[in-house]
PDB file of N, CA and C in Angstrom:
ATOM      1  N   UNK A   1      98.623 110.569  90.582  1.00  0.00           N
ATOM      2  CA  UNK A   1      99.585 109.514  90.782  1.00  0.00           C
ATOM      3  C   UNK A   1      99.131 108.284  90.015  1.00  0.00           C
ATOM      4  N   UNK A   2      99.985 107.724  89.155  1.00  0.00           N
ATOM      5  CA  UNK A   2      99.586 106.559  88.368  1.00  0.00           C
ATOM      6  C   UNK A   2      99.336 105.341  89.254  1.00  0.00           C
ATOM      7  N   UNK A   3      98.429 104.534  88.820  1.00  0.00           N
ATOM      8  CA  UNK A   3      98.079 103.330  89.559  1.00  0.00           C
ATOM      9  C   UNK A   3      98.713 102.132  88.861  1.00  0.00           C
ATOM     10  N   UNK A   4      99.348 101.265  89.633  1.00  0.00           N
ATOM     11  CA  UNK A   4      99.862 100.020  89.091  1.00  0.00           C
ATOM     12  C   UNK A   4      98.684  99.056  89.043  1.00  0.00           C
ATOM     13  N   UNK A   5      98.117  98.890  87.854  1.00  0.00           N
ATOM     14  CA  UNK A   5      96.886  98.125  87.688  1.00  0.00           C
ATOM     15  C   UNK A   5      97.080  96.680  88.125  1.00  0.00           C
ATOM     16  N   UNK A   6      98.181  96.061  87.714  1.00  0.00           N
ATOM     17  CA  UNK A   6      98.403  94.658  88.052  1.00  0.00           C
ATOM     18  C   UNK A   6      98.455  94.460  89.560  1.00  0.00           C
ATOM     19  N   UNK A   7      99.150  95.345  90.264  1.00  0.00           N
ATOM     20  CA  UNK A   7      99.243  95.217  91.718  1.00  0.00           C
ATOM     21  C   UNK A   7      97.884  95.406  92.371  1.00  0.00           C
ATOM     22  N   UNK A   8      97.125  96.372  91.880  1.00  0.00           N
ATOM     23  CA  UNK A   8      95.804  96.631  92.458  1.00  0.00           C
ATOM     24  C   UNK A   8      94.891  95.431  92.283  1.00  0.00           C
ATOM     25  N   UNK A   9      94.891  94.870  91.091  1.00  0.00           N
ATOM     26  CA  UNK A   9      94.020  93.726  90.828  1.00  0.00           C
ATOM     27  C   UNK A   9      94.494  92.511  91.614  1.00  0.00           C
ATOM     28  N   UNK A  10      95.799  92.261  91.641  1.00  0.00           N
ATOM     29  CA  UNK A  10      96.317  91.109  92.389  1.00  0.00           C
ATOM     30  C   UNK A  10      96.024  91.240  93.878  1.00  0.00           C
ATOM     31  N   UNK A  11      96.109  92.447  94.398  1.00  0.00           N
ATOM     32  CA  UNK A  11      95.834  92.658  95.813  1.00  0.00           C
ATOM     33  C   UNK A  11      94.383  92.353  96.146  1.00  0.00           C
ATOM     34  N   UNK A  12      93.492  92.655  95.225  1.00  0.00           N
ATOM     35  CA  UNK A  12      92.072  92.416  95.457  1.00  0.00           C
ATOM     36  C   UNK A  12      91.727  90.952  95.251  1.00  0.00           C
ATOM     37  N   UNK A  13      92.295  90.336  94.238  1.00  0.00           N
ATOM     38  CA  UNK A  13      91.935  88.961  93.905  1.00  0.00           C
ATOM     39  C   UNK A  13      92.637  87.955  94.815  1.00  0.00           C
ATOM     40  N   UNK A  14      93.814  88.275  95.319  1.00  0.00           N
ATOM     41  CA  UNK A  14      94.526  87.346  96.193  1.00  0.00           C
ATOM     42  C   UNK A  14      93.643  86.964  97.368  1.00  0.00           C
ATOM     43  N   UNK A  15      93.574  85.688  97.639  1.00  0.00           N
ATOM     44  CA  UNK A  15      92.723  85.203  98.718  1.00  0.00           C
ATOM     45  C   UNK A  15      93.489  84.148  99.502  1.00  0.00           C
ATOM     46  N   UNK A  16      93.878  84.449 100.740  1.00  0.00           N
ATOM     47  CA  UNK A  16      94.650  83.479 101.523  1.00  0.00           C
ATOM     48  C   UNK A  16      93.873  82.213 101.846  1.00  0.00           C
ATOM     49  N   UNK A  17      92.539  82.237 101.729  1.00  0.00           N
ATOM     50  CA  UNK A  17      91.721  81.057 102.031  1.00  0.00           C
ATOM     51  C   UNK A  17      91.581  80.138 100.832  1.00  0.00           C
ATOM     52  N   UNK A  18      92.117  80.553  99.694  1.00  0.00           N
ATOM     53  CA  UNK A  18      92.052  79.703  98.508  1.00  0.00           C
ATOM     54  C   UNK A  18      90.689  79.689  97.847  1.00  0.00           C
ATOM     55  N   UNK A  19      89.917  80.731  98.009  1.00  0.00           N
ATOM     56  CA  UNK A  19      88.602  80.786  97.377  1.00  0.00           C
ATOM     57  C   UNK A  19      88.737  81.175  95.915  1.00  0.00           C
ATOM     58  N   UNK A  20      89.152  80.221  95.129  1.00  0.00           N
ATOM     59  CA  UNK A  20      89.234  80.492  93.704  1.00  0.00           C
ATOM     60  C   UNK A  20      88.941  79.212  92.957  1.00  0.00           C
ATOM     61  N   UNK A  21      88.515  79.360  91.724  1.00  0.00           N
ATOM     62  CA  UNK A  21      88.207  78.194  90.903  1.00  0.00           C
ATOM     63  C   UNK A  21      89.497  77.658  90.320  1.00  0.00           C
ATOM     64  N   UNK A  22      89.415  76.535  89.647  1.00  0.00           N
ATOM     65  CA  UNK A  22      90.609  75.940  89.069  1.00  0.00           C
ATOM     66  C   UNK A  22      91.194  76.807  87.956  1.00  0.00           C
ATOM     67  N   UNK A  23      90.405  77.741  87.407  1.00  0.00           N
ATOM     68  CA  UNK A  23      90.909  78.633  86.369  1.00  0.00           C
ATOM     69  C   UNK A  23      91.586  79.854  86.977  1.00  0.00           C
ATOM     70  N   UNK A  24      91.598  79.977  88.277  1.00  0.00           N
ATOM     71  CA  UNK A  24      92.248  81.090  88.941  1.00  0.00           C
ATOM     72  C   UNK A  24      91.319  82.262  89.192  1.00  0.00           C
ATOM     73  N   UNK A  25      90.089  82.170  88.758  1.00  0.00           N
ATOM     74  CA  UNK A  25      89.139  83.258  88.994  1.00  0.00           C
ATOM     75  C   UNK A  25      88.468  83.061  90.342  1.00  0.00           C
ATOM     76  N   UNK A  26      88.267  84.150  91.039  1.00  0.00           N
ATOM     77  CA  UNK A  26      87.654  84.079  92.363  1.00  0.00           C
ATOM     78  C   UNK A  26      86.172  83.759  92.235  1.00  0.00           C
ATOM     79  N   UNK A  27      85.655  82.984  93.193  1.00  0.00           N
ATOM     80  CA  UNK A  27      84.220  82.701  93.192  1.00  0.00           C
ATOM     81  C   UNK A  27      83.523  83.333  94.379  1.00  0.00           C
ATOM     82  N   UNK A  28      84.250  84.023  95.213  1.00  0.00           N
ATOM     83  CA  UNK A  28      83.678  84.737  96.337  1.00  0.00           C
ATOM     84  C   UNK A  28      83.075  86.044  95.811  1.00  0.00           C
ATOM     85  N   UNK A  29      81.781  86.292  96.046  1.00  0.00           N
ATOM     86  CA  UNK A  29      81.137  87.495  95.490  1.00  0.00           C
ATOM     87  C   UNK A  29      81.809  88.801  95.914  1.00  0.00           C
ATOM     88  N   UNK A  30      82.288  88.864  97.148  1.00  0.00           N
ATOM     89  CA  UNK A  30      82.939  90.091  97.621  1.00  0.00           C
ATOM     90  C   UNK A  30      84.242  90.299  96.863  1.00  0.00           C
ATOM     91  N   UNK A  31      84.980  89.225  96.666  1.00  0.00           N
ATOM     92  CA  UNK A  31      86.243  89.322  95.939  1.00  0.00           C
ATOM     93  C   UNK A  31      85.998  89.715  94.488  1.00  0.00           C
ATOM     94  N   UNK A  32      84.975  89.138  93.893  1.00  0.00           N
ATOM     95  CA  UNK A  32      84.635  89.474  92.513  1.00  0.00           C
ATOM     96  C   UNK A  32      84.243  90.939  92.414  1.00  0.00           C
ATOM     97  N   UNK A  33      83.428  91.415  93.353  1.00  0.00           N
ATOM     98  CA  UNK A  33      83.010  92.819  93.346  1.00  0.00           C
ATOM     99  C   UNK A  33      84.215  93.738  93.486  1.00  0.00           C
ATOM    100  N   UNK A  34      85.105  93.390  94.406  1.00  0.00           N
ATOM    101  CA  UNK A  34      86.302  94.216  94.602  1.00  0.00           C
ATOM    102  C   UNK A  34      87.178  94.228  93.359  1.00  0.00           C
ATOM    103  N   UNK A  35      87.304  93.082  92.714  1.00  0.00           N
ATOM    104  CA  UNK A  35      88.093  93.021  91.480  1.00  0.00           C
ATOM    105  C   UNK A  35      87.452  93.876  90.398  1.00  0.00           C
ATOM    106  N   UNK A  36      86.128  93.816  90.296  1.00  0.00           N
ATOM    107  CA  UNK A  36      85.414  94.642  89.317  1.00  0.00           C
ATOM    108  C   UNK A  36      85.606  96.123  89.620  1.00  0.00           C
ATOM    109  N   UNK A  37      85.532  96.481  90.905  1.00  0.00           N
ATOM    110  CA  UNK A  37      85.725  97.881  91.288  1.00  0.00           C
ATOM    111  C   UNK A  37      87.146  98.336  90.992  1.00  0.00           C
ATOM    112  N   UNK A  38      88.124  97.477  91.255  1.00  0.00           N
ATOM    113  CA  UNK A  38      89.518  97.825  90.965  1.00  0.00           C
ATOM    114  C   UNK A  38      89.727  98.000  89.463  1.00  0.00           C
ATOM    115  N   UNK A  39      89.129  97.119  88.677  1.00  0.00           N
ATOM    116  CA  UNK A  39      89.256  97.224  87.224  1.00  0.00           C
ATOM    117  C   UNK A  39      88.586  98.503  86.721  1.00  0.00           C
ATOM    118  N   UNK A  40      87.422  98.823  87.270  1.00  0.00           N
ATOM    119  CA  UNK A  40      86.721 100.045  86.866  1.00  0.00           C
ATOM    120  C   UNK A  40      87.520 101.283  87.259  1.00  0.00           C
ATOM    121  N   UNK A  41      88.110 101.262  88.439  1.00  0.00           N
ATOM    122  CA  UNK A  41      88.921 102.405  88.889  1.00  0.00           C
ATOM    123  C   UNK A  41      90.151 102.560  87.996  1.00  0.00           C
ATOM    124  N   UNK A  42      90.758 101.446  87.646  1.00  0.00           N
ATOM    125  CA  UNK A  42      91.935 101.506  86.776  1.00  0.00           C
ATOM    126  C   UNK A  42      91.555 102.045  85.399  1.00  0.00           C
ATOM    127  N   UNK A  43      90.425 101.595  84.879  1.00  0.00           N
ATOM    128  CA  UNK A  43      89.958 102.071  83.575  1.00  0.00           C
ATOM    129  C   UNK A  43      89.651 103.568  83.629  1.00  0.00           C
ATOM    130  N   UNK A  44      89.039 104.022  84.719  1.00  0.00           N
ATOM    131  CA  UNK A  44      88.716 105.446  84.875  1.00  0.00           C
ATOM    132  C   UNK A  44      89.991 106.279  84.954  1.00  0.00           C
ATOM    133  N   UNK A  45      91.001 105.766  85.644  1.00  0.00           N
ATOM    134  CA  UNK A  45      92.269 106.485  85.755  1.00  0.00           C
ATOM    135  C   UNK A  45      92.951 106.596  84.399  1.00  0.00           C
ATOM    136  N   UNK A  46      92.919 105.527  83.625  1.00  0.00           N
ATOM    137  CA  UNK A  46      93.514 105.560  82.281  1.00  0.00           C
ATOM    138  C   UNK A  46      92.789 106.582  81.419  1.00  0.00           C
ATOM    139  N   UNK A  47      91.462 106.578  81.491  1.00  0.00           N
ATOM    140  CA  UNK A  47      90.683 107.542  80.708  1.00  0.00           C
ATOM    141  C   UNK A  47      90.994 108.974  81.150  1.00  0.00           C
ATOM    142  N   UNK A  48      91.132 109.190  82.451  1.00  0.00           N
ATOM    143  CA  UNK A  48      91.450 110.524  82.965  1.00  0.00           C
ATOM    144  C   UNK A  48      92.812 110.984  82.449  1.00  0.00           C
ATOM    145  N   UNK A  49      93.783 110.084  82.456  1.00  0.00           N
ATOM    146  CA  UNK A  49      95.115 110.424  81.956  1.00  0.00           C
ATOM    147  C   UNK A  49      95.072 110.755  80.465  1.00  0.00           C
ATOM    148  N   UNK A  50      94.261 110.013  79.709  1.00  0.00           N
ATOM    149  CA  UNK A  50      94.130 110.292  78.273  1.00  0.00           C
ATOM    150  C   UNK A  50      93.481 111.651  78.047  1.00  0.00           C
ATOM    151  N   UNK A  51      92.490 112.003  78.853  1.00  0.00           N
ATOM    152  CA  UNK A  51      91.836 113.306  78.723  1.00  0.00           C
ATOM    153  C   UNK A  51      92.806 114.441  79.058  1.00  0.00           C
ATOM    154  N   UNK A  52      93.621 114.239  80.079  1.00  0.00           N
ATOM    155  CA  UNK A  52      94.626 115.249  80.437  1.00  0.00           C
ATOM    156  C   UNK A  52      95.599 115.440  79.283  1.00  0.00           C
ATOM    157  N   UNK A  53      96.059 114.328  78.704  1.00  0.00           N
ATOM    158  CA  UNK A  53      96.991 114.411  77.579  1.00  0.00           C
ATOM    159  C   UNK A  53      96.356 115.128  76.396  1.00  0.00           C
ATOM    160  N   UNK A  54      95.097 114.836  76.121  1.00  0.00           N
ATOM    161  CA  UNK A  54      94.396 115.497  75.009  1.00  0.00           C
ATOM    162  C   UNK A  54      94.270 116.997  75.278  1.00  0.00           C
ATOM    163  N   UNK A  55      93.961 117.371  76.527  1.00  0.00           N
ATOM    164  CA  UNK A  55      93.874 118.792  76.885  1.00  0.00           C
ATOM    165  C   UNK A  55      95.213 119.488  76.698  1.00  0.00           C
ATOM    166  N   UNK A  56      96.285 118.827  77.115  1.00  0.00           N
ATOM    167  CA  UNK A  56      97.616 119.414  76.960  1.00  0.00           C
ATOM    168  C   UNK A  56      97.973 119.571  75.485  1.00  0.00           C
ATOM    169  N   UNK A  57      97.608 118.597  74.680  1.00  0.00           N
ATOM    170  CA  UNK A  57      97.878 118.677  73.238  1.00  0.00           C
ATOM    171  C   UNK A  57      97.106 119.831  72.611  1.00  0.00           C
ATOM    172  N   UNK A  58      95.814 119.980  72.991  1.00  0.00           N
ATOM    173  CA  UNK A  58      95.016 121.093  72.460  1.00  0.00           C
ATOM    174  C   UNK A  58      95.602 122.434  72.884  1.00  0.00           C
ATOM    175  N   UNK A  59      96.042 122.537  74.123  1.00  0.00           N
ATOM    176  CA  UNK A  59      96.618 123.793  74.615  1.00  0.00           C
ATOM    177  C   UNK A  59      97.902 124.123  73.864  1.00  0.00           C
ATOM    178  N   UNK A  60      98.741 123.135  73.628  1.00  0.00           N
ATOM    179  CA  UNK A  60      99.994 123.358  72.894  1.00  0.00           C
ATOM    180  C   UNK A  60      99.703 123.790  71.458  1.00  0.00           C
ATOM    181  N   UNK A  61      98.732 123.164  70.828  1.00  0.00           N
ATOM    182  CA  UNK A  61      98.352 123.541  69.466  1.00  0.00           C
ATOM    183  C   UNK A  61      97.847 124.979  69.431  1.00  0.00           C
ATOM    184  N   UNK A  62      97.050 125.359  70.417  1.00  0.00           N
ATOM    185  CA  UNK A  62      96.532 126.729  70.487  1.00  0.00           C
ATOM    186  C   UNK A  62      97.673 127.727  70.666  1.00  0.00           C
ATOM    187  N   UNK A  63      98.653 127.400  71.530  1.00  0.00           N
ATOM    188  CA  UNK A  63      99.813 128.279  71.714  1.00  0.00           C
ATOM    189  C   UNK A  63     100.594 128.436  70.408  1.00  0.00           C
ATOM    190  N   UNK A  64     100.805 127.333  69.712  1.00  0.00           N
ATOM    191  CA  UNK A  64     101.540 127.397  68.446  1.00  0.00           C
ATOM    192  C   UNK A  64     100.797 128.250  67.424  1.00  0.00           C
ATOM    193  N   UNK A  65      99.470 128.100  67.365  1.00  0.00           N
ATOM    194  CA  UNK A  65      98.670 128.910  66.437  1.00  0.00           C
ATOM    195  C   UNK A  65      98.775 130.398  66.777  1.00  0.00           C
ATOM    196  N   UNK A  66      98.669 130.727  68.076  1.00  0.00           N
ATOM    197  CA  UNK A  66      98.802 132.126  68.480  1.00  0.00           C
ATOM    198  C   UNK A  66     100.172 132.671  68.115  1.00  0.00           C
ATOM    199  N   UNK A  67     101.209 131.887  68.350  1.00  0.00           N
ATOM    200  CA  UNK A  67     102.565 132.335  68.020  1.00  0.00           C
ATOM    201  C   UNK A  67     102.730 132.556  66.520  1.00  0.00           C
ATOM    202  N   UNK A  68     102.153 131.679  65.700  1.00  0.00           N
ATOM    203  CA  UNK A  68     102.225 131.845  64.248  1.00  0.00           C
ATOM    204  C   UNK A  68     101.504 133.111  63.799  1.00  0.00           C
ATOM    205  N   UNK A  69     100.321 133.350  64.382  1.00  0.00           N
ATOM    206  CA  UNK A  69      99.573 134.557  64.019  1.00  0.00           C
ATOM    207  C   UNK A  69     100.344 135.808  64.414  1.00  0.00           C
ATOM    208  N   UNK A  70     100.970 135.766  65.581  1.00  0.00           N
ATOM    209  CA  UNK A  70     101.729 136.924  66.047  1.00  0.00           C
ATOM    210  C   UNK A  70     102.934 137.158  65.139  1.00  0.00           C
ATOM    211  N   UNK A  71     103.626 136.121  64.761  1.00  0.00           N
ATOM    212  CA  UNK A  71     104.785 136.278  63.881  1.00  0.00           C
ATOM    213  C   UNK A  71     104.367 136.827  62.519  1.00  0.00           C
ATOM    214  N   UNK A  72     103.203 136.441  62.050  1.00  0.00           N
ATOM    215  CA  UNK A  72     102.724 136.944  60.763  1.00  0.00           C
ATOM    216  C   UNK A  72     102.401 138.423  60.840  1.00  0.00           C
ATOM    217  N   UNK A  73     102.222 138.960  62.040  1.00  0.00           N
ATOM    218  CA  UNK A  73     101.868 140.363  62.220  1.00  0.00           C
ATOM    219  C   UNK A  73     103.089 141.256  62.410  1.00  0.00           C
ATOM    220  N   UNK A  74     104.281 140.722  62.220  1.00  0.00           N
ATOM    221  CA  UNK A  74     105.501 141.513  62.412  1.00  0.00           C
ATOM    222  C   UNK A  74     106.240 141.654  61.089  1.00  0.00           C
ATOM    223  N   UNK A  75     106.919 142.796  60.930  1.00  0.00           N
ATOM    224  CA  UNK A  75     107.714 142.984  59.723  1.00  0.00           C
ATOM    225  C   UNK A  75     109.116 142.417  59.936  1.00  0.00           C
ATOM    226  N   UNK A  76     110.010 142.635  59.005  1.00  0.00           N
ATOM    227  CA  UNK A  76     111.334 142.023  59.073  1.00  0.00           C
ATOM    228  C   UNK A  76     112.166 142.524  60.247  1.00  0.00           C
ATOM    229  N   UNK A  77     111.850 143.675  60.796  1.00  0.00           N
ATOM    230  CA  UNK A  77     112.599 144.182  61.953  1.00  0.00           C
ATOM    231  C   UNK A  77     111.953 143.783  63.273  1.00  0.00           C
ATOM    232  N   UNK A  78     110.857 143.074  63.205  1.00  0.00           N
ATOM    233  CA  UNK A  78     110.199 142.607  64.427  1.00  0.00           C
ATOM    234  C   UNK A  78     109.137 143.534  64.954  1.00  0.00           C
ATOM    235  N   UNK A  79     108.871 144.635  64.251  1.00  0.00           N
ATOM    236  CA  UNK A  79     107.844 145.568  64.714  1.00  0.00           C
ATOM    237  C   UNK A  79     106.461 145.030  64.337  1.00  0.00           C
ATOM    238  N   UNK A  80     105.526 145.274  65.224  1.00  0.00           N
ATOM    239  CA  UNK A  80     104.156 144.850  64.945  1.00  0.00           C
ATOM    240  C   UNK A  80     103.589 145.756  63.861  1.00  0.00           C
ATOM    241  N   UNK A  81     103.052 145.124  62.798  1.00  0.00           N
ATOM    242  CA  UNK A  81     102.564 145.908  61.668  1.00  0.00           C
ATOM    243  C   UNK A  81     101.049 145.917  61.576  1.00  0.00           C
ATOM    244  N   UNK A  82     100.383 145.189  62.431  1.00  0.00           N
ATOM    245  CA  UNK A  82      98.926 145.166  62.394  1.00  0.00           C
ATOM    246  C   UNK A  82      98.414 144.863  63.792  1.00  0.00           C
ATOM    247  N   UNK A  83      97.160 144.629  63.887  1.00  0.00           N
ATOM    248  CA  UNK A  83      96.573 144.311  65.175  1.00  0.00           C
ATOM    249  C   UNK A  83      96.547 142.801  65.338  1.00  0.00           C
ATOM    250  N   UNK A  84      97.073 142.345  66.439  1.00  0.00           N
ATOM    251  CA  UNK A  84      96.984 140.907  66.742  1.00  0.00           C
ATOM    252  C   UNK A  84      95.809 140.694  67.665  1.00  0.00           C
ATOM    253  N   UNK A  85      95.102 139.639  67.412  1.00  0.00           N
ATOM    254  CA  UNK A  85      93.928 139.328  68.220  1.00  0.00           C
ATOM    255  C   UNK A  85      94.276 138.143  69.111  1.00  0.00           C
ATOM    256  N   UNK A  86      94.181 138.340  70.388  1.00  0.00           N
ATOM    257  CA  UNK A  86      94.397 137.260  71.330  1.00  0.00           C
ATOM    258  C   UNK A  86      93.055 136.820  71.864  1.00  0.00           C
ATOM    259  N   UNK A  87      92.833 135.542  71.788  1.00  0.00           N
ATOM    260  CA  UNK A  87      91.580 135.009  72.355  1.00  0.00           C
ATOM    261  C   UNK A  87      91.934 133.939  73.363  1.00  0.00           C
ATOM    262  N   UNK A  88      91.117 133.844  74.367  1.00  0.00           N
ATOM    263  CA  UNK A  88      91.332 132.849  75.422  1.00  0.00           C
ATOM    264  C   UNK A  88      90.372 131.705  75.180  1.00  0.00           C
ATOM    265  N   UNK A  89      90.924 130.498  75.174  1.00  0.00           N
ATOM    266  CA  UNK A  89      90.084 129.311  74.932  1.00  0.00           C
ATOM    267  C   UNK A  89      89.237 129.021  76.130  1.00  0.00           C
TER     268      UNK A  89
END
């Protein structure tokens, strides 16, 4: 499930007691730690999503390569004319 990074960070940084500097950054160590943890979690989620996308792209490329090899092994009537080698990644 995707994480709304802005909402997560705002939820952590929001402080009803007004513990923030004039620049809007929190000065409470617990709030800062939570914001850092939220940012790290968001970054990890983005990286995980990118890895999933890369895996899906590699799998699709492998399927296309297998399909091309199989088509090259058929004659004009669709009969297999040689041995096709299937390998599992």
